[in-house]
C-alpha cells in the first residue's frame, strides 16, 4: 500500500466527506479510492462486458453480417435496399 499526503481545498474536503457519508466508508481514504475507481470506469478504456462479447459472437455465428467483395458491391446493396 502506498501512502500519500495530499492537500485538499475546503470544497474538495467537503465533497469527500459527502461521499464518505453517502456510501458508508470508514475514512476518506476509502472515499478517494472510490472516486478513483469511478474515474477508471468512466474515463479509461473499459473492457468489453462479457454480455456484449457474447452478443457479438452470437451475431457473427447467426450470419447477420454480409461480406462484400468490393466497394461497388456494397454500393449496389445499399442502393437496392
Protein backbone atom coordinates (compact mmCIF):
# COMPACT_ATOMS: atom_id res chain seq x y z
CA UNK A 1 0.00 0.00 0.00
CA UNK A 2 1.23 3.47 -0.88
CA UNK A 3 0.70 6.34 1.49
CA UNK A 4 0.47 9.92 0.29
CA UNK A 5 0.00 13.30 1.83
CA UNK A 6 -2.33 15.41 -0.27
CA UNK A 7 -3.51 18.98 0.01
CA UNK A 8 -7.23 19.50 -0.45
CA UNK A 9 -9.20 22.68 -0.61
CA UNK A 10 -12.29 23.22 1.53
CA UNK A 11 -14.64 22.27 -1.31
CA UNK A 12 -12.77 19.05 -2.15
CA UNK A 13 -12.72 18.09 1.53
CA UNK A 14 -16.49 18.63 1.76
CA UNK A 15 -17.06 16.52 -1.35
CA UNK A 16 -15.00 13.66 0.12
CA UNK A 17 -16.91 13.94 3.39
CA UNK A 18 -20.22 13.70 1.50
CA UNK A 19 -19.00 10.67 -0.49
CA UNK A 20 -17.76 9.06 2.72
CA UNK A 21 -21.14 9.52 4.40
CA UNK A 22 -23.27 8.64 1.38
CA UNK A 23 -21.54 5.33 0.72
CA UNK A 24 -20.74 4.50 4.35
CA UNK A 25 -16.96 4.46 4.06
CA UNK A 26 -14.87 4.26 7.23
CA UNK A 27 -12.47 7.01 6.21
CA UNK A 28 -11.64 9.50 3.49
CA UNK A 29 -9.03 7.16 2.06
CA UNK A 30 -11.83 4.76 1.11
CA UNK A 31 -13.73 7.68 -0.43
CA UNK A 32 -10.70 8.67 -2.51
CA UNK A 33 -10.25 5.08 -3.70
CA UNK A 34 -13.95 5.03 -4.68
CA UNK A 35 -13.57 8.24 -6.69
CA UNK A 36 -10.50 6.84 -8.46
CA UNK A 37 -12.35 3.60 -9.28
CA UNK A 38 -15.31 5.57 -10.68
CA UNK A 39 -12.95 7.65 -12.80
CA UNK A 40 -11.36 4.49 -14.14
CA UNK A 41 -14.75 3.03 -15.08
CA UNK A 42 -15.96 6.21 -16.76
CA UNK A 43 -12.84 7.63 -18.37
CA UNK A 44 -10.25 4.99 -19.02
CA UNK A 45 -10.56 2.27 -21.64
CA UNK A 46 -13.04 -0.17 -20.20
CA UNK A 47 -13.02 -3.85 -21.02
CA UNK A 48 -15.93 -5.10 -23.04
CA UNK A 49 -18.68 -6.53 -20.91
CA UNK A 50 -18.99 -10.33 -21.23
CA UNK A 51 -22.64 -9.95 -22.27
CA UNK A 52 -21.63 -7.70 -25.15
CA UNK A 53 -18.91 -10.11 -26.30
CA UNK A 54 -21.40 -12.99 -26.27
CA UNK A 55 -23.92 -10.92 -28.22
CA UNK A 56 -21.34 -10.10 -30.91
CA UNK A 57 -20.28 -13.76 -31.13
CA UNK A 58 -23.93 -14.77 -31.50
CA UNK A 59 -24.47 -12.20 -34.26
CA UNK A 60 -21.36 -13.41 -36.10
CA UNK A 61 -22.48 -17.02 -35.74
CA UNK A 62 -26.05 -16.35 -36.92
CA UNK A 63 -24.74 -14.69 -40.05
CA UNK A 64 -26.37 -11.30 -39.71
CA UNK A 65 -23.29 -9.77 -41.27
CA UNK A 66 -22.80 -9.73 -45.01
CA UNK A 67 -19.34 -9.69 -46.52
CA UNK A 68 -18.80 -7.62 -49.63
CA UNK A 69 -16.02 -8.37 -52.07
CA UNK A 70 -15.79 -4.81 -53.30
CA UNK A 71 -16.99 -1.33 -52.58
CA UNK A 72 -19.14 -1.33 -55.69
CA UNK A 73 -20.94 -4.47 -54.44
CA UNK A 74 -21.67 -2.66 -51.17
CA UNK A 75 -22.96 0.38 -53.05
CA UNK A 76 -25.30 -1.81 -55.13
CA UNK A 77 -26.66 -3.45 -51.98
CA UNK A 78 -27.29 -0.06 -50.37
CA UNK A 79 -28.96 1.37 -53.48
CA UNK A 80 -31.22 -1.67 -53.84
CA UNK A 81 -32.22 -1.76 -50.17
